[in-house]
Amino acid sequence: MAREDLGESGRLREENAELRARVAALEKALAERSDGRAPDGAAPNGAALDGAAPNGAALNGAAPNGAGSAGAHAALDGLPTAVPAVVYWRLDGTVTRWNDAAERMFGWSAGEAVGRRLADLVAADPVSPAAVRAFEFTREESRFAATASEARTKEGNALVCRWTYAVLRDDRGDAREIAAIVDDTGDQRRRERTVHGRYQMLLQLVDNARSSIFVKDIAGRYVFVNRAYAQSLQKHVVELIGSDDREGPMPPEVAELLAEKEREVMAGGQVMQFEEVLPIGDDRLHYFTVKFPIHDEHGEPIGLGGIVTEITTLKRAEAERAALQEEIIAGQQAALRELSTPLIPLADGVVAMPLVGTIDSGRAEQIMETLLSGITRQGAHTAILDITGVRAVDTHVADALTRTARAAQLLGTRVVLTGVRPEVAQTLVTLGVDLSGITTLSTLQSGIAHALRHARR
């Protein structure tokens, strides 16, 4: 019966019934979504990655699988932050990992998929043995490759999938299994919407980074900059796009320094990390910089990326800390020198300097300086140098002692050398040391007694 024949009340009843049916269907779909099941009439679905070149994978969401998808289902799986479909399989094709998003995409649960051959599940064998052999990157490089293939769901629905994959290796470097992020590319509009969402998500990520991040083309012109980089140059982001450093606010000498380093990065073809100091205005700013070439899917360089972090405050703090440490070390060394060359007044006009340890050139100068200043200050007529604690007497030590004694004698002071053990005496004789004018005694006690006798005369 046509709707016009029902009358006004009949038409309203029919519309109310249709609305109630739609509400019930939506409530059922939401309940099934809460339980982790696909709603009736909708095939499983998921989000995955797309746009991956060998240097990395860009992000995308998966389109609905099958003949249609409820609005709630599409809205949830289309979020930019949706977990992508991830599948792992061994080189013989046996699946080892199958996440929830893969279940929604292909219809097979993890329990059904793990342990079976991938080709039996999705009617596809996307990564050939030759492609596995050609993938020579290690896990540490986090590189991806990508391929596309037709596939089928558990219900037999056709899919066009993009497999963004890496070959995982064991400790010996042998290929162990293939890990792939799977993207159903069948719904172009939904794919574009998710790509845009992912772009906005990544843009927010880099815009909230404290480091300056940029990408240049092969000619050195900016194609992307984040907010921090634009703010450091007091520009809006859009003002930098398409320009190079020579056209910007940087002084010509700074622009040339940057260009020279970037030419080095491109020539080397590798990531470079370095610290650099740039004259900005009246100041010199320190940066920690990471620059790297950007390659296309064939490995050809197409641009340059950079991540630059200003570390001026850190470097200044390090310099201040180093200067303070130097002051502390200098103070400690002065204190140690005083302790290692003590000058002890024994009586009027008599001083003693007991020496311990090793005497090097620096310490020899300190001994002479301390002794001569002490003799002058004390008005000493006798100075005792005790070498009982000196570890070894060689030409260097003997020369230091004799020079100190000669210098003291020039001030009119008698020098007494004590602690001369038999082996030391033999060494001094062997070396031919001239000890004329220097009294030598075996012990400090005898040296003190000798000095005091002379003091009483």
Protein backbone atom coordinates (compact mmCIF):
# COMPACT_ATOMS: atom_id res chain seq x y z
CA MET A 1 0.00 0.00 0.00
CA ALA A 2 1.34 3.42 -0.91
CA ARG A 3 2.12 5.79 1.96
CA GLU A 4 -0.38 8.34 0.57
CA ASP A 5 -3.24 5.83 1.15
CA LEU A 6 -2.50 5.41 4.89
CA GLY A 7 -3.71 8.77 5.99
CA GLU A 8 -1.88 11.14 8.30
CA SER A 9 -2.05 8.94 11.41
CA GLY A 10 -0.95 5.84 9.52
CA ARG A 11 2.00 7.69 7.99
CA LEU A 12 3.14 8.89 11.42
CA ARG A 13 2.87 5.37 12.86
CA GLU A 14 4.98 4.01 10.01
CA GLU A 15 7.64 6.70 10.47
CA ASN A 16 7.73 6.07 14.24
CA ALA A 17 8.21 2.36 13.64
CA GLU A 18 11.07 3.05 11.23
CA LEU A 19 12.73 5.40 13.74
CA ARG A 20 12.41 2.83 16.54
CA ALA A 21 13.95 0.17 14.30
CA ARG A 22 16.88 2.45 13.46
CA VAL A 23 17.46 3.30 17.14
CA ALA A 24 17.37 -0.39 18.05
CA ALA A 25 19.86 -1.17 15.27
CA LEU A 26 22.24 1.56 16.48
CA GLU A 27 21.97 0.39 20.11
CA LYS A 28 22.77 -3.16 19.01
CA ALA A 29 25.74 -1.96 16.97
CA LEU A 30 27.12 0.00 19.92
CA ALA A 31 26.66 -2.96 22.25
CA GLU A 32 28.49 -5.24 19.84
CA ARG A 33 31.24 -2.65 19.50
CA SER A 34 31.64 -2.60 23.31
CA ASP A 35 31.98 -6.41 23.22
CA GLY A 36 34.72 -6.13 20.56
CA ARG A 37 32.51 -7.74 17.84
CA ALA A 38 31.67 -6.33 14.43
CA PRO A 39 28.02 -5.22 14.17
CA ASP A 40 25.59 -7.19 12.04
CA GLY A 41 25.82 -6.36 8.39
CA ALA A 42 29.35 -5.02 8.69
CA ALA A 43 32.51 -6.90 7.92
CA PRO A 44 35.54 -6.59 10.26
CA ASN A 45 37.56 -3.48 9.86
CA GLY A 46 40.81 -1.94 11.15
CA ALA A 47 43.36 0.78 10.76
CA ALA A 48 46.82 0.36 9.29
CA LEU A 49 49.77 2.22 7.85
CA ASP A 50 50.27 3.54 4.37
CA GLY A 51 52.65 5.60 2.31
CA ALA A 52 55.72 3.69 3.51
CA ALA A 53 58.98 4.08 1.64
CA PRO A 54 62.05 1.99 2.48
CA ASN A 55 63.06 4.64 5.02
CA GLY A 56 59.89 4.33 7.10
CA ALA A 57 56.11 3.91 7.18
CA ALA A 58 53.55 6.68 7.03
CA LEU A 59 50.20 6.23 8.70
CA ASN A 60 46.76 5.46 7.38
CA GLY A 61 43.54 3.79 8.46
CA ALA A 62 41.90 0.78 6.91
CA ALA A 63 38.69 1.04 4.95
CA PRO A 64 35.59 -1.06 5.77
CA ASN A 65 35.71 -4.66 4.69
CA GLY A 66 32.95 -6.16 2.61
CA ALA A 67 29.69 -4.67 1.47
CA GLY A 68 29.22 -1.97 4.08
CA SER A 69 29.86 -0.74 7.62
CA ALA A 70 27.71 0.80 10.32
CA GLY A 71 28.34 4.45 11.15
CA ALA A 72 29.56 3.70 14.67
CA HIS A 73 31.98 1.07 13.37
CA ALA A 74 33.47 3.40 10.74
CA ALA A 75 33.76 6.29 13.17
CA LEU A 76 35.72 4.27 15.71
CA ASP A 77 38.08 2.50 13.30
CA GLY A 78 38.65 5.70 11.34
CA LEU A 79 40.24 7.53 14.25
CA PRO A 80 43.84 8.62 13.53
CA THR A 81 44.94 6.95 16.76
CA ALA A 82 43.34 3.58 15.93
CA VAL A 83 45.73 0.61 16.28
CA PRO A 84 46.63 -0.72 12.82
CA ALA A 85 46.31 -4.31 11.67
CA VAL A 86 49.56 -6.15 12.46
CA VAL A 87 50.49 -9.62 11.20
CA TYR A 88 53.69 -11.63 11.71
CA TRP A 89 54.55 -14.78 9.78
CA ARG A 90 57.55 -17.07 9.38
CA LEU A 91 59.39 -17.54 6.10
CA ASP A 92 57.36 -20.71 5.45
CA GLY A 93 54.18 -18.61 5.73
CA THR A 94 53.06 -19.73 9.21
CA VAL A 95 51.34 -16.89 11.10
CA THR A 96 52.84 -16.14 14.54
CA ARG A 97 50.98 -12.96 15.48
CA TRP A 98 47.54 -11.62 14.55
CA ASN A 99 46.12 -8.64 16.43
CA ASP A 100 42.52 -7.48 16.95
CA ALA A 101 42.65 -5.03 14.03
CA ALA A 102 43.72 -7.88 11.72
CA GLU A 103 40.77 -9.88 13.03
CA ARG A 104 38.40 -7.02 12.20
CA MET A 105 39.93 -6.64 8.75
CA PHE A 106 40.04 -10.28 7.64
CA GLY A 107 37.42 -11.91 9.89
CA TRP A 108 39.74 -14.56 11.35
CA SER A 109 40.33 -14.51 15.10
CA ALA A 110 43.85 -14.77 16.49
CA GLY A 111 43.08 -18.28 17.70
CA GLU A 112 42.07 -19.28 14.18
CA ALA A 113 44.93 -17.50 12.42
CA VAL A 114 48.06 -18.24 14.49
CA GLY A 115 49.71 -21.47 13.35
CA ARG A 116 48.07 -21.46 9.90
CA ARG A 117 49.60 -20.36 6.61
CA LEU A 118 48.94 -16.75 5.67
CA ALA A 119 48.05 -17.71 2.10
CA ASP A 120 45.35 -20.06 3.38
CA LEU A 121 43.82 -17.28 5.46
CA VAL A 122 43.86 -14.30 3.08
CA ALA A 123 44.60 -15.88 -0.31
CA ALA A 124 47.77 -13.79 -0.59
CA ASP A 125 51.51 -14.29 -0.19
CA PRO A 126 52.58 -10.62 -0.32
CA VAL A 127 56.33 -10.82 0.41
CA SER A 128 58.32 -13.06 -1.92
CA PRO A 129 61.57 -14.86 -0.96
CA ALA A 130 63.43 -12.47 -3.27
CA ALA A 131 61.96 -9.48 -1.40
CA VAL A 132 63.04 -11.03 1.91
CA ARG A 133 66.60 -11.44 0.60
CA ALA A 134 66.61 -7.86 -0.70
CA PHE A 135 65.57 -6.46 2.70
CA GLU A 136 69.03 -6.02 4.22
CA PHE A 137 68.18 -3.63 7.06
CA THR A 138 68.69 -4.57 10.71
CA ARG A 139 66.09 -4.19 13.43
CA GLU A 140 67.98 -1.20 14.84
CA GLU A 141 67.44 0.77 11.62
CA SER A 142 63.61 0.47 11.86
CA ARG A 143 63.29 0.45 8.07
CA PHE A 144 60.19 -0.66 6.16
CA ALA A 145 59.38 -1.74 2.64
CA ALA A 146 55.91 -1.83 1.09
CA THR A 147 54.00 -3.93 -1.39
CA ALA A 148 50.37 -4.22 -2.53
CA SER A 149 48.33 -7.32 -3.24
CA GLU A 150 44.79 -8.57 -3.53
CA ALA A 151 43.44 -10.54 -0.57
CA ARG A 152 40.21 -12.08 0.71
CA THR A 153 38.42 -12.11 4.03
CA LYS A 154 37.10 -15.16 5.85
CA GLU A 155 33.72 -14.52 4.22
CA GLY A 156 35.34 -14.37 0.77
CA ASN A 157 35.13 -10.61 0.28
CA ALA A 158 37.86 -9.13 -1.91
CA LEU A 159 40.34 -6.61 -0.52
CA VAL A 160 43.18 -4.59 -1.98
CA CYS A 161 45.82 -4.46 0.74
CA ARG A 162 49.02 -2.58 1.24
CA TRP A 163 51.59 -4.50 3.30
CA THR A 164 54.16 -2.28 4.99
CA TYR A 165 56.67 -4.82 6.23
CA ALA A 166 60.05 -5.42 7.84
CA VAL A 167 62.13 -8.60 7.96
CA LEU A 168 63.06 -9.48 11.57
CA ARG A 169 66.33 -11.31 12.18
CA ASP A 170 67.76 -13.56 14.90
CA ASP A 171 70.99 -13.02 16.85
CA ARG A 172 73.05 -14.43 13.96
CA GLY A 173 71.46 -12.03 11.49
CA ASP A 174 69.40 -14.68 9.70
CA ALA A 175 65.86 -13.78 8.61
CA ARG A 176 63.44 -15.10 11.23
CA GLU A 177 60.00 -13.76 10.34
CA ILE A 178 58.16 -10.99 8.52
CA ALA A 179 56.22 -8.32 10.42
CA ALA A 180 53.69 -6.29 8.46
CA ILE A 181 51.23 -3.48 9.02
CA VAL A 182 48.27 -4.07 6.73
CA ASP A 183 46.14 -1.36 5.15
CA ASP A 184 42.90 -2.04 3.28
CA THR A 185 43.08 0.55 0.48
CA GLY A 186 39.66 -0.19 -1.00
CA ASP A 187 37.77 2.90 0.25
CA GLN A 188 39.60 5.91 -1.17
CA ARG A 189 37.55 8.56 0.64
CA ARG A 190 37.97 6.94 4.02
CA ARG A 191 41.65 6.39 3.34
CA GLU A 192 42.15 10.07 2.54
CA ARG A 193 40.22 11.08 5.66
CA THR A 194 42.37 8.89 7.87
CA VAL A 195 45.57 10.06 6.19
CA HIS A 196 44.54 13.63 6.93
CA GLY A 197 43.79 12.69 10.54
CA ARG A 198 47.16 11.01 10.89
CA TYR A 199 48.85 14.07 9.40
CA GLN A 200 47.15 16.31 11.94
CA MET A 201 48.17 13.96 14.76
CA LEU A 202 51.82 13.94 13.67
CA LEU A 203 51.76 17.69 13.15
CA GLN A 204 50.60 18.16 16.74
CA LEU A 205 53.37 15.81 17.87
CA VAL A 206 56.18 17.76 16.19
CA ASP A 207 54.62 21.16 16.92
CA ASN A 208 54.73 20.40 20.65
CA ALA A 209 58.37 19.31 20.52
CA ARG A 210 60.86 21.68 22.12
CA SER A 211 63.39 20.97 19.37
CA SER A 212 63.31 22.71 15.99
CA ILE A 213 62.34 20.23 13.27
CA PHE A 214 62.46 20.87 9.54
CA VAL A 215 62.64 19.25 6.11
CA LYS A 216 64.30 20.79 3.06
CA ASP A 217 64.19 19.79 -0.59
CA ILE A 218 67.30 18.92 -2.56
CA ALA A 219 67.83 22.64 -3.34
CA GLY A 220 67.79 23.61 0.33
CA ARG A 221 64.29 25.13 0.39
CA TYR A 222 62.03 24.47 3.36
CA VAL A 223 59.09 22.15 2.70
CA PHE A 224 58.19 21.63 6.36
CA VAL A 225 59.03 23.36 9.65
CA ASN A 226 57.51 22.93 13.07
CA ARG A 227 56.24 25.66 15.33
CA ALA A 228 59.37 25.74 17.55
CA TYR A 229 61.63 26.38 14.55
CA ALA A 230 59.42 29.16 13.20
CA GLN A 231 59.24 30.78 16.64
CA SER A 232 63.03 30.68 17.00
CA LEU A 233 63.23 32.77 13.81
CA GLN A 234 60.27 34.96 14.87
CA LYS A 235 58.32 33.87 11.79
CA HIS A 236 55.02 32.19 11.03
CA VAL A 237 55.45 28.66 9.71
CA VAL A 238 53.99 29.55 6.32
CA GLU A 239 56.56 32.34 5.87
CA LEU A 240 59.39 29.80 5.79
CA ILE A 241 57.87 27.32 3.34
CA GLY A 242 59.58 27.60 -0.04
CA SER A 243 62.41 29.81 1.24
CA ASP A 244 66.02 28.93 2.01
CA ASP A 245 68.33 30.17 4.74
CA ARG A 246 69.81 32.89 2.53
CA GLU A 247 66.38 34.46 2.10
CA GLY A 248 65.50 34.26 5.79
CA PRO A 249 66.44 36.29 8.83
CA MET A 250 69.75 34.49 9.40
CA PRO A 251 72.98 36.44 8.89
CA PRO A 252 74.79 35.44 5.66
CA GLU A 253 77.72 33.92 7.55
CA VAL A 254 75.37 31.71 9.60
CA ALA A 255 73.47 30.65 6.47
CA GLU A 256 76.76 29.66 4.83
CA LEU A 257 77.84 27.65 7.88
CA LEU A 258 74.54 25.74 7.82
CA ALA A 259 74.71 25.16 4.07
CA GLU A 260 78.29 23.83 4.32
CA LYS A 261 77.32 21.30 6.99
CA GLU A 262 74.25 20.22 5.05
CA ARG A 263 76.33 19.64 1.92
CA GLU A 264 78.55 17.40 4.04
CA VAL A 265 75.50 15.45 5.27
CA MET A 266 74.17 14.95 1.74
CA ALA A 267 77.59 13.94 0.41
CA GLY A 268 78.06 11.39 3.19
CA GLY A 269 74.55 9.98 2.83
CA GLN A 270 74.38 9.18 6.54
CA VAL A 271 72.88 10.61 9.71
CA MET A 272 75.20 13.12 11.37
CA GLN A 273 75.03 14.24 15.00
CA PHE A 274 77.13 17.16 16.14
CA GLU A 275 77.29 20.22 18.34
CA GLU A 276 77.60 23.61 16.71
CA VAL A 277 78.02 27.18 17.89
CA LEU A 278 76.36 29.89 15.82
CA PRO A 279 76.75 33.67 16.21
CA ILE A 280 73.21 35.00 16.58
CA GLY A 281 73.17 38.76 17.11
CA ASP A 282 75.58 39.66 19.88
CA ASP A 283 75.44 36.19 21.38
CA ARG A 284 76.87 32.77 20.56
CA LEU A 285 74.29 30.02 20.83
CA HIS A 286 75.04 26.33 21.22
CA TYR A 287 73.00 23.64 19.46
CA PHE A 288 72.90 19.85 19.37
CA THR A 289 71.98 18.99 15.81
CA VAL A 290 70.88 15.83 14.01
CA LYS A 291 70.76 16.09 10.22
CA PHE A 292 70.06 13.31 7.75
CA PRO A 293 69.35 12.78 4.07
CA ILE A 294 65.79 11.85 3.09
CA HIS A 295 65.48 9.17 0.39
CA ASP A 296 62.72 8.08 -1.94
CA GLU A 297 61.58 4.46 -2.28
CA HIS A 298 64.50 3.77 -4.61
CA GLY A 299 67.05 5.07 -2.12
CA GLU A 300 67.74 8.27 -4.03
CA PRO A 301 68.26 11.44 -1.94
CA ILE A 302 65.35 13.87 -2.30
CA GLY A 303 65.92 16.21 0.64
CA LEU A 304 67.34 16.77 4.07
CA GLY A 305 65.81 16.58 7.53
CA GLY A 306 67.00 18.23 10.71
CA ILE A 307 66.28 18.16 14.43
CA VAL A 308 68.00 21.01 16.27
CA THR A 309 67.97 21.47 20.05
CA GLU A 310 69.38 24.59 21.65
CA ILE A 311 71.73 23.68 24.52
CA THR A 312 73.15 27.12 25.30
CA THR A 313 71.89 27.08 28.90
CA LEU A 314 73.24 23.57 29.39
CA LYS A 315 76.66 24.45 27.95
CA ARG A 316 76.91 27.58 30.11
CA ALA A 317 75.99 25.58 33.19
CA GLU A 318 78.62 22.99 32.24
CA ALA A 319 81.23 25.75 31.78
CA GLU A 320 80.36 27.27 35.15
CA ARG A 321 80.51 23.86 36.78
CA ALA A 322 83.87 23.12 35.12
CA ALA A 323 85.27 26.50 36.27
CA LEU A 324 84.08 25.84 39.81
CA GLN A 325 85.60 22.39 39.69
CA GLU A 326 88.89 23.86 38.52
CA GLU A 327 88.83 26.26 41.46
CA ILE A 328 88.16 23.39 43.85
CA ILE A 329 90.94 21.31 42.32
CA ALA A 330 93.36 24.27 42.50
CA GLY A 331 92.48 24.79 46.15
CA GLN A 332 92.91 21.10 46.89
CA GLN A 333 96.26 21.05 45.11
CA ALA A 334 97.45 24.09 47.09
CA ALA A 335 96.39 22.41 50.33
CA LEU A 336 98.14 19.20 49.31
CA ARG A 337 101.29 21.11 48.43
CA GLU A 338 101.28 22.71 51.86
CA LEU A 339 100.78 19.33 53.49
CA SER A 340 103.44 17.68 51.33
CA THR A 341 106.02 20.43 52.04
CA PRO A 342 105.46 21.40 55.67
CA LEU A 343 107.93 23.79 57.27
CA ILE A 344 108.17 23.23 61.04
CA PRO A 345 109.90 25.77 63.35
CA LEU A 346 111.89 23.80 65.98
CA ALA A 347 113.65 26.58 67.87
CA ASP A 348 114.76 30.13 67.34
CA GLY A 349 116.49 30.14 63.99
CA VAL A 350 115.90 26.41 63.33
CA VAL A 351 113.32 25.03 60.88
CA ALA A 352 112.73 21.53 59.57
CA MET A 353 111.04 20.24 56.41
CA PRO A 354 110.20 16.52 56.42
CA LEU A 355 109.67 15.23 52.84
CA VAL A 356 107.49 12.20 52.04
CA GLY A 357 106.62 10.43 48.78
CA THR A 358 107.74 11.18 45.26
CA ILE A 359 109.45 14.41 44.27
CA ASP A 360 108.68 15.59 40.73
CA SER A 361 109.64 18.86 39.06
CA GLY A 362 106.53 20.67 40.28
CA ARG A 363 107.00 19.52 43.85
CA ALA A 364 110.74 20.36 43.74
CA GLU A 365 109.86 23.95 42.87
CA GLN A 366 107.33 24.01 45.70
CA ILE A 367 109.94 22.69 48.17
CA MET A 368 112.39 25.40 47.22
CA GLU A 369 109.77 28.15 47.32
CA THR A 370 108.39 27.06 50.69
CA LEU A 371 111.82 26.61 52.28
CA LEU A 372 113.24 29.93 51.10
CA SER A 373 110.15 31.92 52.09
CA GLY A 374 110.14 30.16 55.49
CA ILE A 375 113.83 30.87 56.08
CA THR A 376 113.26 34.54 55.32
CA ARG A 377 110.14 34.74 57.45
CA GLN A 378 111.65 32.86 60.43
CA GLY A 379 115.13 34.36 60.15
CA ALA A 380 116.46 30.80 60.30
CA HIS A 381 120.17 30.08 60.44
CA THR A 382 119.70 26.29 60.14
CA ALA A 383 117.30 24.36 57.88
CA ILE A 384 116.82 20.59 58.15
CA LEU A 385 115.68 18.68 55.01
CA ASP A 386 114.58 15.20 56.09
CA ILE A 387 114.28 12.66 53.25
CA THR A 388 113.46 9.61 55.38
CA GLY A 389 110.06 9.28 53.68
CA VAL A 390 111.22 9.90 50.10
CA ARG A 391 110.56 6.72 48.13
CA ALA A 392 113.50 6.86 45.77
CA VAL A 393 116.48 9.13 45.25
CA ASP A 394 117.56 9.50 41.64
CA THR A 395 119.35 12.15 39.62
CA HIS A 396 116.22 14.30 39.48
CA VAL A 397 115.64 14.18 43.27
CA ALA A 398 119.35 14.72 44.05
CA ASP A 399 119.46 17.74 41.75
CA ALA A 400 116.34 19.21 43.40
CA LEU A 401 117.82 18.76 46.88
CA THR A 402 121.20 20.26 46.01
CA ARG A 403 119.65 23.24 44.23
CA THR A 404 117.42 23.88 47.27
CA ALA A 405 120.43 23.64 49.62
CA ARG A 406 122.51 26.00 47.46
CA ALA A 407 119.67 28.51 47.37
CA ALA A 408 119.33 28.36 51.18
CA GLN A 409 123.07 28.83 51.59
CA LEU A 410 122.87 32.00 49.50
CA LEU A 411 120.56 33.34 52.21
CA GLY A 412 123.18 32.54 54.86
CA THR A 413 121.42 29.44 56.15
CA ARG A 414 123.16 26.19 57.06
CA VAL A 415 121.49 23.14 55.48
CA VAL A 416 121.34 19.75 57.22
CA LEU A 417 120.21 16.73 55.14
CA THR A 418 118.82 13.92 57.32
CA GLY A 419 117.32 10.50 56.66
CA VAL A 420 120.25 9.46 54.49
CA ARG A 421 119.96 5.67 54.55
CA PRO A 422 122.90 3.51 53.43
CA GLU A 423 121.32 2.80 50.04
CA VAL A 424 120.61 6.51 49.60
CA ALA A 425 124.20 7.39 50.43
CA GLN A 426 125.40 4.82 47.90
CA THR A 427 123.07 6.29 45.27
CA LEU A 428 124.28 9.83 45.92
CA VAL A 429 127.92 8.70 45.60
CA THR A 430 127.16 6.75 42.42
CA LEU A 431 125.46 9.75 40.91
CA GLY A 432 128.38 11.97 41.85
CA VAL A 433 126.20 14.47 43.68
CA ASP A 434 128.15 17.42 45.06
CA LEU A 435 127.13 17.74 48.74
CA SER A 436 129.93 20.07 49.77
CA GLY A 437 128.72 22.55 52.37
CA ILE A 438 125.74 20.31 53.28
CA THR A 439 125.77 18.36 56.55
CA THR A 440 124.33 14.86 56.09
CA LEU A 441 123.06 12.74 58.98
CA SER A 442 121.25 9.41 59.15
CA THR A 443 118.21 10.40 61.26
CA LEU A 444 116.01 13.40 61.83
CA GLN A 445 116.69 13.11 65.60
CA SER A 446 120.42 13.50 65.09
CA GLY A 447 119.80 16.39 62.73
CA ILE A 448 117.68 18.23 65.32
CA ALA A 449 120.33 17.66 68.01
CA HIS A 450 123.00 18.97 65.65
CA ALA A 451 120.99 22.08 64.83
CA LEU A 452 120.23 22.85 68.46
CA ARG A 453 123.90 22.56 69.45
CA HIS A 454 124.77 25.12 66.81
CA ALA A 455 121.87 27.32 67.97
CA ARG A 456 123.32 27.49 71.52
CA ARG A 457 126.75 28.68 70.34
